[in-house]
C-alpha atoms as a PDB file:
ATOM      1  CA  MET A   1      12.153   5.816  -3.233  1.00  0.00           C
ATOM      2  CA  LYS A   2      10.277   8.938  -2.272  1.00  0.00           C
ATOM      3  CA  THR A   3      11.702  11.362   0.248  1.00  0.00           C
ATOM      4  CA  ALA A   4       9.675  12.357   3.264  1.00  0.00           C
ATOM      5  CA  SER A   5       8.754  15.643   1.611  1.00  0.00           C
ATOM      6  CA  GLU A   6       7.549  14.162  -1.682  1.00  0.00           C
ATOM      7  CA  PRO A   7       3.774  13.595  -1.827  1.00  0.00           C
ATOM      8  CA  SER A   8       2.481  10.089  -2.398  1.00  0.00           C
ATOM      9  CA  LEU A   9      -0.768   8.768  -3.753  1.00  0.00           C
ATOM     10  CA  ILE A  10      -2.257   5.818  -1.871  1.00  0.00           C
ATOM     11  CA  LEU A  11      -5.344   4.231  -3.331  1.00  0.00           C
ATOM     12  CA  LYS A  12      -7.324   1.623  -1.413  1.00  0.00           C
ATOM     13  CA  ILE A  13     -10.014  -0.171  -3.345  1.00  0.00           C
ATOM     14  CA  ARG A  14     -12.611  -2.084  -1.360  1.00  0.00           C
ATOM     15  CA  ILE A  15     -15.539  -3.942  -2.852  1.00  0.00           C
ATOM     16  CA  LEU A  16     -18.691  -3.562  -0.761  1.00  0.00           C
ATOM     17  CA  HIS A  17     -21.422  -6.185  -1.339  1.00  0.00           C
ATOM     18  CA  GLU A  18     -24.477  -6.850   0.829  1.00  0.00           C
ATOM     19  CA  ASP A  19     -23.082  -4.828   3.787  1.00  0.00           C
ATOM     20  CA  LEU A  20     -19.760  -6.719   3.737  1.00  0.00           C
ATOM     21  CA  PHE A  21     -16.397  -5.736   2.361  1.00  0.00           C
ATOM     22  CA  ALA A  22     -16.323  -8.643  -0.054  1.00  0.00           C
ATOM     23  CA  PHE A  23     -12.793  -7.904  -1.233  1.00  0.00           C
ATOM     24  CA  GLY A  24      -9.986  -5.432  -0.818  1.00  0.00           C
ATOM     25  CA  PRO A  25      -6.225  -5.228  -0.272  1.00  0.00           C
ATOM     26  CA  GLY A  26      -6.309  -7.167   3.021  1.00  0.00           C
ATOM     27  CA  LYS A  27      -8.309 -10.049   1.563  1.00  0.00           C
ATOM     28  CA  ALA A  28      -6.076 -10.070  -1.496  1.00  0.00           C
ATOM     29  CA  ALA A  29      -3.067 -10.405   0.795  1.00  0.00           C
ATOM     30  CA  LEU A  30      -4.867 -13.177   2.654  1.00  0.00           C
ATOM     31  CA  LEU A  31      -5.505 -15.121  -0.581  1.00  0.00           C
ATOM     32  CA  ASP A  32      -1.808 -14.758  -1.483  1.00  0.00           C
ATOM     33  CA  ALA A  33      -0.793 -16.032   1.964  1.00  0.00           C
ATOM     34  CA  ILE A  34      -3.212 -18.982   1.789  1.00  0.00           C
ATOM     35  CA  ALA A  35      -1.761 -19.889  -1.585  1.00  0.00           C
ATOM     36  CA  ARG A  36       1.774 -19.815  -0.101  1.00  0.00           C
ATOM     37  CA  HIS A  37       0.992 -21.735   3.117  1.00  0.00           C
ATOM     38  CA  ALA A  38      -1.885 -24.013   2.031  1.00  0.00           C
ATOM     39  CA  SER A  39      -3.279 -23.196   5.433  1.00  0.00           C
ATOM     40  CA  ILE A  40      -5.679 -20.682   6.916  1.00  0.00           C
ATOM     41  CA  SER A  41      -3.851 -20.617  10.249  1.00  0.00           C
ATOM     42  CA  GLY A  42      -0.428 -20.297   8.513  1.00  0.00           C
ATOM     43  CA  ALA A  43      -1.748 -17.438   6.418  1.00  0.00           C
ATOM     44  CA  GLY A  44      -3.108 -15.738   9.518  1.00  0.00           C
ATOM     45  CA  ARG A  45       0.143 -16.105  11.365  1.00  0.00           C
ATOM     46  CA  GLU A  46       2.044 -14.541   8.460  1.00  0.00           C
ATOM     47  CA  LEU A  47      -0.345 -11.584   8.442  1.00  0.00           C
ATOM     48  CA  GLY A  48      -0.455 -11.215  12.222  1.00  0.00           C
ATOM     49  CA  LEU A  49      -4.119 -12.250  12.479  1.00  0.00           C
ATOM     50  CA  SER A  50      -5.787 -14.579  14.917  1.00  0.00           C
ATOM     51  CA  TYR A  51      -7.227 -17.788  13.506  1.00  0.00           C
ATOM     52  CA  SER A  52     -10.805 -16.615  14.232  1.00  0.00           C
ATOM     53  CA  LYS A  53     -10.250 -13.311  12.411  1.00  0.00           C
ATOM     54  CA  THR A  54      -8.624 -15.113   9.476  1.00  0.00           C
ATOM     55  CA  ARG A  55     -11.457 -17.668   9.344  1.00  0.00           C
ATOM     56  CA  ARG A  56     -14.074 -14.872   9.428  1.00  0.00           C
ATOM     57  CA  LEU A  57     -12.369 -13.100   6.491  1.00  0.00           C
ATOM     58  CA  VAL A  58     -12.304 -16.360   4.504  1.00  0.00           C
ATOM     59  CA  ASP A  59     -15.992 -16.949   5.293  1.00  0.00           C
ATOM     60  CA  GLU A  60     -16.885 -13.407   4.203  1.00  0.00           C
ATOM     61  CA  MET A  61     -15.112 -13.907   0.874  1.00  0.00           C
ATOM     62  CA  ASN A  62     -16.713 -17.311   0.294  1.00  0.00           C
ATOM     63  CA  LEU A  63     -20.192 -15.952   1.090  1.00  0.00           C
ATOM     64  CA  SER A  64     -19.773 -12.879  -1.130  1.00  0.00           C
ATOM     65  CA  PHE A  65     -18.832 -14.552  -4.388  1.00  0.00           C
ATOM     66  CA  ARG A  66     -20.724 -17.020  -6.596  1.00  0.00           C
ATOM     67  CA  ALA A  67     -18.119 -19.696  -6.030  1.00  0.00           C
ATOM     68  CA  PRO A  68     -15.862 -20.148  -2.977  1.00  0.00           C
ATOM     69  CA  LEU A  69     -12.494 -18.415  -3.209  1.00  0.00           C
ATOM     70  CA  VAL A  70     -10.920 -20.748  -0.624  1.00  0.00           C
ATOM     71  CA  GLU A  71     -11.424 -24.471  -0.144  1.00  0.00           C
ATOM     72  CA  THR A  72     -10.584 -26.216   3.097  1.00  0.00           C
ATOM     73  CA  SER A  73     -10.124 -29.804   4.152  1.00  0.00           C
ATOM     74  CA  ARG A  74     -10.435 -31.019   7.732  1.00  0.00           C
ATOM     75  CA  GLY A  75      -7.765 -32.912   9.536  1.00  0.00           C
ATOM     76  CA  GLY A  76      -5.586 -30.695  11.691  1.00  0.00           C
ATOM     77  CA  SER A  77      -1.945 -29.862  11.111  1.00  0.00           C
ATOM     78  CA  GLU A  78      -1.081 -33.231   9.540  1.00  0.00           C
ATOM     79  CA  ARG A  79      -3.916 -33.737   7.047  1.00  0.00           C
ATOM     80  CA  GLY A  80      -5.919 -30.528   6.841  1.00  0.00           C
ATOM     81  CA  GLY A  81      -5.317 -27.537   4.731  1.00  0.00           C
ATOM     82  CA  ALA A  82      -6.673 -24.819   2.518  1.00  0.00           C
ATOM     83  CA  GLY A  83      -6.202 -23.692  -1.006  1.00  0.00           C
ATOM     84  CA  VAL A  84      -7.218 -20.873  -3.290  1.00  0.00           C
ATOM     85  CA  THR A  85      -9.766 -22.057  -5.864  1.00  0.00           C
ATOM     86  CA  GLU A  86      -9.811 -21.238  -9.553  1.00  0.00           C
ATOM     87  CA  ALA A  87     -12.485 -18.639  -8.740  1.00  0.00           C
ATOM     88  CA  GLY A  88     -10.190 -17.207  -6.104  1.00  0.00           C
ATOM     89  CA  ARG A  89      -7.335 -16.935  -8.582  1.00  0.00           C
ATOM     90  CA  ARG A  90      -9.644 -15.164 -11.058  1.00  0.00           C
ATOM     91  CA  VAL A  91     -10.922 -12.725  -8.422  1.00  0.00           C
ATOM     92  CA  LEU A  92      -7.391 -12.003  -7.229  1.00  0.00           C
ATOM     93  CA  ALA A  93      -6.127 -11.391 -10.778  1.00  0.00           C
ATOM     94  CA  ALA A  94      -9.121  -9.123 -11.576  1.00  0.00           C
ATOM     95  CA  PHE A  95      -8.541  -7.167  -8.342  1.00  0.00           C
ATOM     96  CA  ARG A  96      -4.832  -6.693  -9.031  1.00  0.00           C
ATOM     97  CA  SER A  97      -5.681  -5.512 -12.569  1.00  0.00           C
ATOM     98  CA  LEU A  98      -8.270  -3.073 -11.168  1.00  0.00           C
ATOM     99  CA  GLU A  99      -5.682  -1.728  -8.688  1.00  0.00           C
ATOM    100  CA  ALA A 100      -3.135  -1.189 -11.468  1.00  0.00           C
ATOM    101  CA  LYS A 101      -5.640   0.555 -13.749  1.00  0.00           C
ATOM    102  CA  ALA A 102      -6.862   2.771 -10.903  1.00  0.00           C
ATOM    103  CA  ARG A 103      -3.288   3.810 -10.053  1.00  0.00           C
ATOM    104  CA  GLU A 104      -2.581   4.595 -13.715  1.00  0.00           C
ATOM    105  CA  ALA A 105      -5.823   6.545 -14.129  1.00  0.00           C
ATOM    106  CA  ALA A 106      -5.218   8.580 -10.965  1.00  0.00           C
ATOM    107  CA  GLN A 107      -1.641   9.653 -11.780  1.00  0.00           C
ATOM    108  CA  GLU A 108      -2.488  12.689 -13.951  1.00  0.00           C
ATOM    109  CA  GLY A 109      -4.935  14.110 -11.455  1.00  0.00           C
ATOM    110  CA  PHE A 110      -2.534  13.360  -8.640  1.00  0.00           C
ATOM    111  CA  ARG A 111       0.305  15.227 -10.389  1.00  0.00           C
ATOM    112  CA  ASP A 112      -1.972  18.255 -10.825  1.00  0.00           C
ATOM    113  CA  LEU A 113      -2.996  18.151  -7.171  1.00  0.00           C
ATOM    114  CA  ALA A 114       0.528  17.458  -5.875  1.00  0.00           C
ATOM    115  CA  ALA A 115       1.819  20.507  -7.764  1.00  0.00           C
ATOM    116  CA  GLU A 116      -0.431  22.636  -5.525  1.00  0.00           C
ATOM    117  CA  LEU A 117       1.024  21.297  -2.264  1.00  0.00           C
ATOM    118  CA  LYS A 118       3.484  23.389  -0.293  1.00  0.00           C
ATOM    119  CA  GLY A 119       7.131  22.733  -1.032  1.00  0.00           C
ATOM    120  CA  THR A 120       6.535  20.734  -4.216  1.00  0.00           C
ATOM    121  CA  GLY A 121       7.080  23.402  -6.815  1.00  0.00           C
ATOM    122  CA  PRO A 122       6.665  27.091  -7.382  1.00  0.00           C
ATOM    123  CA  GLU A 123       4.161  28.423  -4.882  1.00  0.00           C
ATOM    124  CA  VAL A 124       1.340  30.602  -6.092  1.00  0.00           C
ATOM    125  CA  LEU A 125       0.561  33.280  -3.563  1.00  0.00           C
END
Protein backbone atom coordinates (compact mmCIF):
# COMPACT_ATOMS: atom_id res chain seq x y z
CA MET A 1 0.00 0.00 0.00
CA LYS A 2 1.24 3.46 -0.83
CA THR A 3 1.98 5.96 1.92
CA ALA A 4 0.36 9.36 1.87
CA SER A 5 3.56 10.91 0.52
CA GLU A 6 4.02 8.47 -2.36
CA PRO A 7 2.61 9.70 -5.68
CA SER A 8 -0.07 7.62 -7.38
CA LEU A 9 -1.21 7.39 -10.95
CA ILE A 10 -4.96 7.29 -11.49
CA LEU A 11 -6.17 6.74 -15.03
CA LYS A 12 -9.84 7.12 -15.92
CA ILE A 13 -10.82 5.96 -19.38
CA ARG A 14 -14.18 7.10 -20.69
CA ILE A 15 -15.52 6.28 -24.12
CA LEU A 16 -17.40 9.22 -25.67
CA HIS A 17 -19.81 8.39 -28.50
CA GLU A 18 -22.47 10.64 -30.01
CA ASP A 19 -22.32 13.14 -27.11
CA LEU A 20 -22.74 10.40 -24.48
CA PHE A 21 -20.21 8.69 -22.29
CA ALA A 22 -20.95 5.27 -23.74
CA PHE A 23 -18.69 3.47 -21.30
CA GLY A 24 -16.26 4.07 -18.49
CA PRO A 25 -15.37 2.86 -15.01
CA GLY A 26 -18.79 3.64 -13.54
CA LYS A 27 -20.68 1.78 -16.24
CA ALA A 28 -18.24 -1.12 -15.96
CA ALA A 29 -18.99 -1.28 -12.22
CA LEU A 30 -22.70 -1.14 -13.03
CA LEU A 31 -22.43 -4.10 -15.43
CA ASP A 32 -20.55 -6.06 -12.75
CA ALA A 33 -23.26 -5.25 -10.20
CA ILE A 34 -26.08 -6.21 -12.59
CA ALA A 35 -24.34 -9.52 -13.20
CA ARG A 36 -24.16 -10.13 -9.43
CA HIS A 37 -27.72 -9.06 -8.58
CA ALA A 38 -29.62 -9.93 -11.80
CA SER A 39 -31.43 -6.67 -11.10
CA ILE A 40 -31.09 -3.05 -12.15
CA SER A 41 -32.49 -1.80 -8.84
CA GLY A 42 -30.26 -4.17 -6.83
CA ALA A 43 -27.21 -3.01 -8.77
CA GLY A 44 -28.17 0.61 -8.18
CA ARG A 45 -28.61 0.05 -4.45
CA GLU A 46 -25.16 -1.57 -4.26
CA LEU A 47 -23.60 1.41 -6.02
CA GLY A 48 -25.60 4.02 -4.09
CA LEU A 49 -27.58 5.15 -7.15
CA SER A 50 -31.28 5.86 -7.51
CA TYR A 51 -33.27 3.56 -9.75
CA SER A 52 -33.84 6.37 -12.27
CA LYS A 53 -30.10 7.16 -12.48
CA THR A 54 -29.25 3.46 -12.80
CA ARG A 55 -31.90 2.98 -15.49
CA ARG A 56 -30.61 6.02 -17.41
CA LEU A 57 -27.05 4.62 -17.37
CA VAL A 58 -28.31 1.25 -18.65
CA ASP A 59 -30.30 2.99 -21.40
CA GLU A 60 -27.23 5.04 -22.42
CA MET A 61 -25.13 1.87 -22.70
CA ASN A 62 -27.80 0.03 -24.66
CA LEU A 63 -28.25 2.95 -27.07
CA SER A 64 -24.52 3.41 -27.59
CA PHE A 65 -23.57 -0.11 -28.67
CA ARG A 66 -24.65 -2.22 -31.65
CA ALA A 67 -26.27 -4.78 -29.38
CA PRO A 68 -27.75 -4.21 -25.91
CA LEU A 69 -25.35 -4.73 -23.01
CA VAL A 70 -28.19 -5.37 -20.54
CA GLU A 71 -31.43 -7.28 -21.07
CA THR A 72 -34.41 -6.81 -18.81
CA SER A 73 -37.61 -8.70 -18.17
CA ARG A 74 -40.72 -7.17 -16.64
CA GLY A 75 -42.44 -8.50 -13.64
CA GLY A 76 -41.43 -6.71 -10.46
CA SER A 77 -39.43 -8.15 -7.61
CA GLU A 78 -40.79 -11.69 -7.99
CA ARG A 79 -40.50 -12.28 -11.75
CA GLY A 80 -38.55 -9.42 -13.26
CA GLY A 81 -34.86 -9.04 -13.59
CA ALA A 82 -31.90 -8.00 -15.65
CA GLY A 83 -28.82 -9.64 -17.01
CA VAL A 84 -25.63 -8.77 -18.82
CA THR A 85 -25.75 -9.95 -22.42
CA GLU A 86 -22.97 -11.65 -24.33
CA ALA A 87 -22.25 -8.26 -25.95
CA GLY A 88 -22.09 -6.74 -22.46
CA ARG A 89 -19.59 -9.36 -21.34
CA ARG A 90 -17.44 -8.69 -24.44
CA VAL A 91 -17.53 -4.92 -23.92
CA LEU A 92 -16.67 -5.30 -20.23
CA ALA A 93 -13.75 -7.64 -20.99
CA ALA A 94 -12.45 -5.31 -23.72
CA PHE A 95 -12.70 -2.32 -21.37
CA ARG A 96 -10.88 -4.10 -18.54
CA SER A 97 -8.15 -5.11 -21.00
CA LEU A 98 -7.87 -1.50 -22.24
CA GLU A 99 -7.57 -0.26 -18.65
CA ALA A 100 -4.80 -2.75 -17.89
CA LYS A 101 -2.88 -1.89 -21.07
CA ALA A 102 -3.22 1.84 -20.41
CA ARG A 103 -1.91 1.45 -16.83
CA GLU A 104 1.03 -0.60 -18.08
CA ALA A 105 1.82 1.86 -20.87
CA ALA A 106 1.67 4.84 -18.53
CA GLN A 107 3.99 3.45 -15.84
CA GLU A 108 7.31 4.49 -17.40
CA GLY A 109 6.19 8.03 -18.06
CA PHE A 110 4.66 8.19 -14.61
CA ARG A 111 7.91 7.07 -12.96
CA ASP A 112 9.79 9.79 -14.85
CA LEU A 113 7.25 12.43 -13.82
CA ALA A 114 6.98 11.21 -10.21
CA ALA A 115 10.76 11.44 -9.84
CA GLU A 116 10.42 15.20 -10.35
CA LEU A 117 7.90 15.67 -7.54
CA LYS A 118 9.01 17.17 -4.23
CA GLY A 119 9.98 14.62 -1.60
CA THR A 120 10.19 11.64 -3.95
CA GLY A 121 13.91 11.56 -4.61
CA PRO A 122 16.91 13.80 -4.93
CA GLU A 123 15.71 17.31 -5.63
CA VAL A 124 17.26 19.25 -8.46
CA LEU A 125 17.54 22.90 -7.57
